[in-house]
Amino acid sequence: MGKIEIREDCLAPERFIYLSYEGPDPWGVAKNITATIRPFFHVSASGTSQTKLYWDVVGDPIKFYSTWWVKKALSAYTFFRVDIKVQGDKSKTGNKGRFTLQLSGDLNTNFGGWGIFVKPVWLMYSYLFYSRVRRKFIMQCSDYITGFRNEIKEHFNLKAAQKIGSDTALG
């Protein structure tokens, strides 16, 4: 059996999109992500997971770190995966602090079959279908990631575009 796997970055040429916040209720981002992730990406419970949640309550400020992933199918052979990381701190005396949100995404295509037929079938599939649709899938993945960033910005009453520019990693 032969198998072809192609992994592409959804946010090229940047690898990550970042969002920084400083103000009241920084832990609210983690609660918001957990509540928003399934309806925003239109996935079931098996399509998402919160993989890590760390709290350091020893000192002041309280530090936190959390990660999630989302996996959404786009076709029978293609899906995208979005990784979300949040790291921040929160004051023990007040509900003020800061966090940094990092978003990244990959588009994955898997194609398999009998070894002698995989390459010719893949070349025809790629030439006739995938090379045209691939760009659409990459843009769809990128739109989901930037849309999710804007959803988090809206929750914290941040502007949709900052001085840096909405087309950059920090925008």
Protein backbone atom coordinates (compact mmCIF):
# COMPACT_ATOMS: atom_id res chain seq x y z
CA MET A 1 0.00 0.00 0.00
CA GLY A 2 1.29 3.44 -0.91
CA LYS A 3 0.46 6.64 0.88
CA ILE A 4 0.96 10.32 0.09
CA GLU A 5 0.79 12.89 2.89
CA ILE A 6 0.97 16.64 2.26
CA ARG A 7 1.08 19.19 5.08
CA GLU A 8 0.85 22.91 4.33
CA ASP A 9 0.90 25.95 6.57
CA CYS A 10 -2.38 27.90 6.54
CA LEU A 11 -0.81 31.21 7.56
CA ALA A 12 2.23 31.32 5.25
CA PRO A 13 4.49 33.29 5.16
CA GLU A 14 3.85 33.82 8.92
CA ARG A 15 3.75 30.70 11.07
CA PHE A 16 1.71 32.13 13.97
CA ILE A 17 -0.83 34.83 14.74
CA TYR A 18 -0.47 36.45 18.17
CA LEU A 19 -2.84 38.47 20.28
CA SER A 20 -1.67 40.26 23.43
CA TYR A 21 -3.97 41.63 26.09
CA GLU A 22 -3.51 43.51 29.34
CA GLY A 23 -6.44 44.44 31.54
CA PRO A 24 -9.25 42.97 33.64
CA ASP A 25 -10.16 39.26 33.65
CA PRO A 26 -7.26 37.73 31.69
CA TRP A 27 -8.39 34.20 32.62
CA GLY A 28 -11.62 34.99 30.77
CA VAL A 29 -9.85 34.17 27.51
CA ALA A 30 -9.50 30.50 28.47
CA LYS A 31 -13.14 30.30 29.54
CA ASN A 32 -14.17 32.05 26.30
CA ILE A 33 -12.09 29.75 24.09
CA THR A 34 -13.53 26.65 25.75
CA ALA A 35 -17.08 27.93 25.30
CA THR A 36 -16.61 29.32 21.77
CA ILE A 37 -14.39 26.77 20.04
CA ARG A 38 -17.01 24.14 19.07
CA PRO A 39 -19.73 26.46 17.74
CA PHE A 40 -17.24 28.72 15.95
CA PHE A 41 -15.45 25.94 14.03
CA HIS A 42 -18.65 23.84 13.65
CA VAL A 43 -17.06 20.67 15.03
CA SER A 44 -18.28 17.98 17.39
CA ALA A 45 -16.68 17.10 20.72
CA SER A 46 -14.34 14.66 18.97
CA GLY A 47 -13.07 17.47 16.72
CA THR A 48 -11.55 19.49 19.55
CA SER A 49 -9.63 19.00 22.78
CA GLN A 50 -8.07 21.04 25.56
CA THR A 51 -4.76 19.23 25.90
CA LYS A 52 -3.03 21.18 28.69
CA LEU A 53 -4.03 23.38 31.58
CA TYR A 54 -1.37 24.57 34.03
CA TRP A 55 -1.82 26.89 37.01
CA ASP A 56 0.93 28.27 39.24
CA VAL A 57 -0.75 29.71 42.34
CA VAL A 58 2.40 29.85 44.49
CA GLY A 59 3.37 33.45 43.82
CA ASP A 60 1.70 36.68 42.92
CA PRO A 61 0.69 36.95 40.09
CA ILE A 62 -0.95 33.60 39.39
CA LYS A 63 0.41 32.23 36.10
CA PHE A 64 -1.55 30.07 33.67
CA TYR A 65 -0.89 28.18 30.43
CA SER A 66 -3.40 26.27 28.34
CA THR A 67 -3.52 24.64 24.88
CA TRP A 68 -6.31 23.44 22.59
CA TRP A 69 -6.51 21.90 19.12
CA VAL A 70 -9.31 21.79 16.56
CA LYS A 71 -9.53 19.36 13.65
CA LYS A 72 -12.04 20.05 10.86
CA ALA A 73 -12.55 17.96 7.71
CA LEU A 74 -12.79 19.86 4.43
CA SER A 75 -13.06 16.87 2.07
CA ALA A 76 -12.60 13.10 2.11
CA TYR A 77 -8.82 13.54 1.87
CA THR A 78 -8.18 16.94 3.45
CA PHE A 79 -8.59 18.43 6.92
CA PHE A 80 -7.10 21.34 8.81
CA ARG A 81 -5.83 21.46 12.36
CA VAL A 82 -5.66 24.66 14.41
CA ASP A 83 -3.48 24.84 17.52
CA ILE A 84 -4.29 27.44 20.17
CA LYS A 85 -1.99 28.40 23.07
CA VAL A 86 -2.65 30.90 25.86
CA GLN A 87 -0.08 32.00 28.41
CA GLY A 88 -0.61 34.72 30.99
CA ASP A 89 -0.86 35.84 34.56
CA LYS A 90 -3.49 37.23 36.91
CA SER A 91 -3.08 39.23 40.12
CA LYS A 92 -4.22 37.56 43.33
CA THR A 93 -5.52 40.81 44.82
CA GLY A 94 -7.37 42.09 41.75
CA ASN A 95 -8.72 40.53 38.62
CA LYS A 96 -6.16 42.23 36.37
CA GLY A 97 -3.36 40.72 34.36
CA ARG A 98 -2.27 39.86 30.85
CA PHE A 99 -2.13 37.01 28.37
CA THR A 100 -0.69 36.16 24.98
CA LEU A 101 -2.71 34.06 22.56
CA GLN A 102 -0.93 32.13 19.79
CA LEU A 103 -2.79 30.60 16.84
CA SER A 104 -1.38 28.35 14.11
CA GLY A 105 -2.84 25.99 11.53
CA ASP A 106 -1.90 23.24 9.10
CA LEU A 107 -3.76 21.85 6.11
CA ASN A 108 -3.28 18.06 5.78
CA THR A 109 -4.01 15.89 2.77
CA ASN A 110 -3.72 12.10 2.92
CA PHE A 111 -4.11 9.93 -0.15
CA GLY A 112 -3.45 6.19 -0.28
CA GLY A 113 -4.01 3.04 -2.28
CA TRP A 114 -2.13 0.35 -4.16
CA GLY A 115 1.54 1.30 -4.40
CA ILE A 116 1.85 1.06 -8.19
CA PHE A 117 -1.28 3.15 -8.78
CA VAL A 118 -0.87 5.83 -6.09
CA LYS A 119 1.49 8.11 -7.96
CA PRO A 120 -0.37 8.19 -11.32
CA VAL A 121 -3.75 8.56 -9.63
CA TRP A 122 -2.38 11.29 -7.36
CA LEU A 123 -0.85 13.16 -10.32
CA MET A 124 -4.18 13.13 -12.18
CA TYR A 125 -6.11 14.10 -9.03
CA SER A 126 -3.67 16.91 -8.30
CA TYR A 127 -3.66 18.20 -11.87
CA LEU A 128 -7.43 18.08 -12.38
CA PHE A 129 -8.74 18.91 -8.92
CA TYR A 130 -6.46 19.43 -5.94
CA SER A 131 -4.15 22.21 -7.19
CA ARG A 132 -7.18 24.47 -7.83
CA VAL A 133 -9.03 23.58 -4.65
CA ARG A 134 -5.93 23.58 -2.42
CA ARG A 135 -5.71 27.37 -2.51
CA LYS A 136 -9.38 27.57 -1.51
CA PHE A 137 -8.79 25.17 1.41
CA ILE A 138 -5.75 27.16 2.58
CA MET A 139 -7.73 30.41 2.45
CA GLN A 140 -10.64 28.79 4.29
CA CYS A 141 -8.29 27.60 7.04
CA SER A 142 -6.69 31.06 7.27
CA ASP A 143 -10.12 32.72 7.41
CA TYR A 144 -11.17 30.46 10.29
CA ILE A 145 -8.01 31.34 12.24
CA THR A 146 -8.26 35.10 11.71
CA GLY A 147 -12.00 34.98 12.39
CA PHE A 148 -11.38 33.19 15.68
CA ARG A 149 -8.79 35.81 16.63
CA ASN A 150 -11.36 38.53 15.88
CA GLU A 151 -13.92 36.66 18.01
CA ILE A 152 -11.51 36.78 20.97
CA LYS A 153 -10.78 40.46 20.26
CA GLU A 154 -14.51 41.21 20.29
CA HIS A 155 -14.92 39.45 23.65
CA PHE A 156 -12.25 41.73 25.18
CA ASN A 157 -13.49 44.86 23.34
CA LEU A 158 -10.29 45.17 21.30
CA LYS A 159 -10.24 46.74 17.86
CA ALA A 160 -10.40 44.42 14.86
CA ALA A 161 -7.21 45.91 13.41
CA GLN A 162 -4.31 47.48 15.31
CA LYS A 163 -1.68 50.03 14.24
CA ILE A 164 0.62 47.30 13.01
CA GLY A 165 -1.84 46.20 10.32
CA SER A 166 -4.37 43.46 10.05
CA ASP A 167 -2.24 41.52 7.56
CA THR A 168 0.63 40.94 10.00
CA ALA A 169 1.06 38.35 12.73
CA LEU A 170 0.30 40.83 15.50
CA GLY A 171 -2.63 42.61 13.81
